C-alpha atoms as a PDB file:
ATOM      1  CA  MET A   1       0.000   0.000   0.000  1.00  0.00           C
ATOM      2  CA  ILE A   2       1.025   3.592  -0.620  1.00  0.00           C
ATOM      3  CA  LYS A   3      -0.028   6.389   1.703  1.00  0.00           C
ATOM      4  CA  HIS A   4      -0.134   9.831   0.042  1.00  0.00           C
ATOM      5  CA  ILE A   5      -0.308  12.829   2.395  1.00  0.00           C
ATOM      6  CA  VAL A   6      -0.820  16.460   1.365  1.00  0.00           C
ATOM      7  CA  LEU A   7      -0.675  19.360   3.838  1.00  0.00           C
ATOM      8  CA  PHE A   8      -1.339  22.926   2.746  1.00  0.00           C
ATOM      9  CA  ARG A   9      -2.268  26.466   3.690  1.00  0.00           C
ATOM     10  CA  PHE A  10      -4.187  28.986   1.653  1.00  0.00           C
ATOM     11  CA  THR A  11      -2.786  32.284   0.409  1.00  0.00           C
ATOM     12  CA  GLU A  12      -3.585  35.311   2.529  1.00  0.00           C
ATOM     13  CA  ASP A  13      -5.451  36.974  -0.327  1.00  0.00           C
ATOM     14  CA  SER A  14      -7.706  34.003  -1.090  1.00  0.00           C
ATOM     15  CA  THR A  15     -11.287  34.154   0.148  1.00  0.00           C
ATOM     16  CA  PRO A  16     -13.309  31.833   2.382  1.00  0.00           C
ATOM     17  CA  GLU A  17     -15.503  31.130  -0.659  1.00  0.00           C
ATOM     18  CA  GLN A  18     -12.460  29.997  -2.636  1.00  0.00           C
ATOM     19  CA  HIS A  19     -11.384  27.798   0.270  1.00  0.00           C
ATOM     20  CA  ALA A  20     -14.818  26.202   0.531  1.00  0.00           C
ATOM     21  CA  GLY A  21     -14.950  25.606  -3.229  1.00  0.00           C
ATOM     22  CA  LEU A  22     -11.546  23.949  -3.285  1.00  0.00           C
ATOM     23  CA  LEU A  23     -12.321  21.759  -0.282  1.00  0.00           C
ATOM     24  CA  GLN A  24     -15.659  20.762  -1.811  1.00  0.00           C
ATOM     25  CA  GLU A  25     -13.946  19.807  -5.042  1.00  0.00           C
ATOM     26  CA  LEU A  26     -11.303  17.814  -3.168  1.00  0.00           C
ATOM     27  CA  SER A  27     -13.993  15.926  -1.255  1.00  0.00           C
ATOM     28  CA  GLY A  28     -15.288  14.613  -4.592  1.00  0.00           C
ATOM     29  CA  PHE A  29     -11.927  13.159  -5.608  1.00  0.00           C
ATOM     30  CA  PRO A  30     -12.648   9.588  -4.420  1.00  0.00           C
ATOM     31  CA  GLN A  31     -15.598   9.440  -6.820  1.00  0.00           C
ATOM     32  CA  ARG A  32     -13.515  10.843  -9.685  1.00  0.00           C
ATOM     33  CA  PHE A  33     -10.476   8.652  -9.039  1.00  0.00           C
ATOM     34  CA  PRO A  34     -11.597   5.109  -8.191  1.00  0.00           C
ATOM     35  CA  ASP A  35      -8.079   3.917  -7.262  1.00  0.00           C
ATOM     36  CA  MET A  36      -8.203   6.105  -4.139  1.00  0.00           C
ATOM     37  CA  GLN A  37      -8.863   4.299  -0.879  1.00  0.00           C
ATOM     38  CA  ARG A  38      -9.487   5.441   2.683  1.00  0.00           C
ATOM     39  CA  TRP A  39      -9.665   9.149   1.802  1.00  0.00           C
ATOM     40  CA  THR A  40      -9.701  11.537   4.766  1.00  0.00           C
ATOM     41  CA  MET A  41      -9.470  15.323   4.871  1.00  0.00           C
ATOM     42  CA  GLY A  42      -9.561  17.860   7.664  1.00  0.00           C
ATOM     43  CA  VAL A  43      -8.526  21.139   9.240  1.00  0.00           C
ATOM     44  CA  ASN A  44      -5.285  21.219  11.220  1.00  0.00           C
ATOM     45  CA  GLN A  45      -6.027  21.154  14.953  1.00  0.00           C
ATOM     46  CA  SER A  46      -2.436  20.876  16.144  1.00  0.00           C
ATOM     47  CA  SER A  47      -1.329  23.226  18.885  1.00  0.00           C
ATOM     48  CA  ARG A  48       2.311  22.419  18.058  1.00  0.00           C
ATOM     49  CA  ASP A  49       2.542  23.364  14.385  1.00  0.00           C
ATOM     50  CA  ASP A  50       0.100  25.656  12.617  1.00  0.00           C
ATOM     51  CA  ARG A  51       2.093  26.213   9.422  1.00  0.00           C
ATOM     52  CA  PHE A  52      -0.452  24.199   7.429  1.00  0.00           C
ATOM     53  CA  THR A  53      -4.187  24.776   7.838  1.00  0.00           C
ATOM     54  CA  ASN A  54      -5.540  21.717   6.003  1.00  0.00           C
ATOM     55  CA  GLY A  55      -4.545  18.246   4.962  1.00  0.00           C
ATOM     56  CA  PHE A  56      -5.704  15.056   3.344  1.00  0.00           C
ATOM     57  CA  VAL A  57      -4.567  11.450   3.245  1.00  0.00           C
ATOM     58  CA  ILE A  58      -5.210   8.916   0.482  1.00  0.00           C
ATOM     59  CA  GLU A  59      -4.158   5.318   0.145  1.00  0.00           C
ATOM     60  CA  PHE A  60      -3.429   3.468  -3.085  1.00  0.00           C
ATOM     61  CA  ASP A  61      -2.840  -0.253  -3.636  1.00  0.00           C
ATOM     62  CA  ASP A  62       0.542   0.371  -5.236  1.00  0.00           C
ATOM     63  CA  GLU A  63       2.945   2.954  -6.624  1.00  0.00           C
ATOM     64  CA  GLN A  64       1.629   2.573 -10.172  1.00  0.00           C
ATOM     65  CA  ARG A  65      -1.918   3.540  -9.134  1.00  0.00           C
ATOM     66  CA  LEU A  66      -0.590   6.604  -7.338  1.00  0.00           C
ATOM     67  CA  GLU A  67       1.450   7.572 -10.399  1.00  0.00           C
ATOM     68  CA  ASN A  68      -1.592   7.076 -12.662  1.00  0.00           C
ATOM     69  CA  TYR A  69      -3.550   9.480 -10.448  1.00  0.00           C
ATOM     70  CA  LEU A  70      -0.747  12.053 -10.221  1.00  0.00           C
ATOM     71  CA  ARG A  71      -0.139  12.040 -13.989  1.00  0.00           C
ATOM     72  CA  SER A  72      -3.809  12.099 -15.016  1.00  0.00           C
ATOM     73  CA  ASP A  73      -5.029  15.125 -16.953  1.00  0.00           C
ATOM     74  CA  ALA A  74      -7.798  15.660 -14.387  1.00  0.00           C
ATOM     75  CA  HIS A  75      -5.330  15.833 -11.498  1.00  0.00           C
ATOM     76  CA  GLU A  76      -2.821  17.979 -13.385  1.00  0.00           C
ATOM     77  CA  SER A  77      -5.447  20.517 -14.465  1.00  0.00           C
ATOM     78  CA  PHE A  78      -6.922  20.681 -10.938  1.00  0.00           C
ATOM     79  CA  VAL A  79      -3.502  21.386  -9.421  1.00  0.00           C
ATOM     80  CA  ARG A  80      -2.612  23.957 -12.072  1.00  0.00           C
ATOM     81  CA  GLU A  81      -5.943  25.795 -12.306  1.00  0.00           C
ATOM     82  CA  ARG A  82      -7.546  25.413  -8.862  1.00  0.00           C
ATOM     83  CA  PHE A  83      -5.004  24.383  -6.213  1.00  0.00           C
ATOM     84  CA  ARG A  84      -1.831  26.376  -6.933  1.00  0.00           C
ATOM     85  CA  PRO A  85      -3.540  29.762  -7.421  1.00  0.00           C
ATOM     86  CA  ILE A  86      -4.872  29.811  -3.841  1.00  0.00           C
ATOM     87  CA  VAL A  87      -2.380  27.632  -1.958  1.00  0.00           C
ATOM     88  CA  ALA A  88       0.619  29.429  -0.488  1.00  0.00           C
ATOM     89  CA  GLU A  89       2.543  26.412   0.726  1.00  0.00           C
ATOM     90  CA  ARG A  90       2.218  22.657   0.625  1.00  0.00           C
ATOM     91  CA  ALA A  91       4.031  19.529   1.742  1.00  0.00           C
ATOM     92  CA  ILE A  92       3.572  16.157   0.076  1.00  0.00           C
ATOM     93  CA  VAL A  93       4.747  12.809   1.410  1.00  0.00           C
ATOM     94  CA  SER A  94       4.114   9.384  -0.103  1.00  0.00           C
ATOM     95  CA  TYR A  95       5.390   6.175   1.422  1.00  0.00           C
ATOM     96  CA  GLU A  96       4.909   2.465   1.115  1.00  0.00           C
ATOM     97  CA  TYR A  97       3.677   0.375   4.020  1.00  0.00           C
ATOM     98  CA  ALA A  98       2.265  -3.058   4.707  1.00  0.00           C
ATOM     99  CA  GLU A  99      -1.427  -3.088   5.604  1.00  0.00           C
ATOM    100  CA  ASP A 100      -0.689  -4.936   8.816  1.00  0.00           C
ATOM    101  CA  ASP A 101       1.890  -2.318   9.983  1.00  0.00           C
ATOM    102  CA  ARG A 102       0.931  -0.895  13.352  1.00  0.00           C
ATOM    103  CA  GLY A 103       3.796   1.582  13.698  1.00  0.00           C
END
């Protein structure tokens, strides 16, 4: 399994309406990309690090399915046209793990 994690914060000049629209669109990703599994998304509640305001986690069966998603025209156009214009900073981590890992 591959876990794909994206953390981000919005630009200071973006609006709450833009934020809501982007988050709504992101919430529909599992329906648009059937290889996604165990999708979760939320607002950062950490009292230790508030650099990022939002994040989401997706799991894929394997690296190839993640790559297919990342290289798809739908994903690329979303990132270029919707995500980047209102996101000031982001961090992305993907790693492989065994489903029975508890650590």
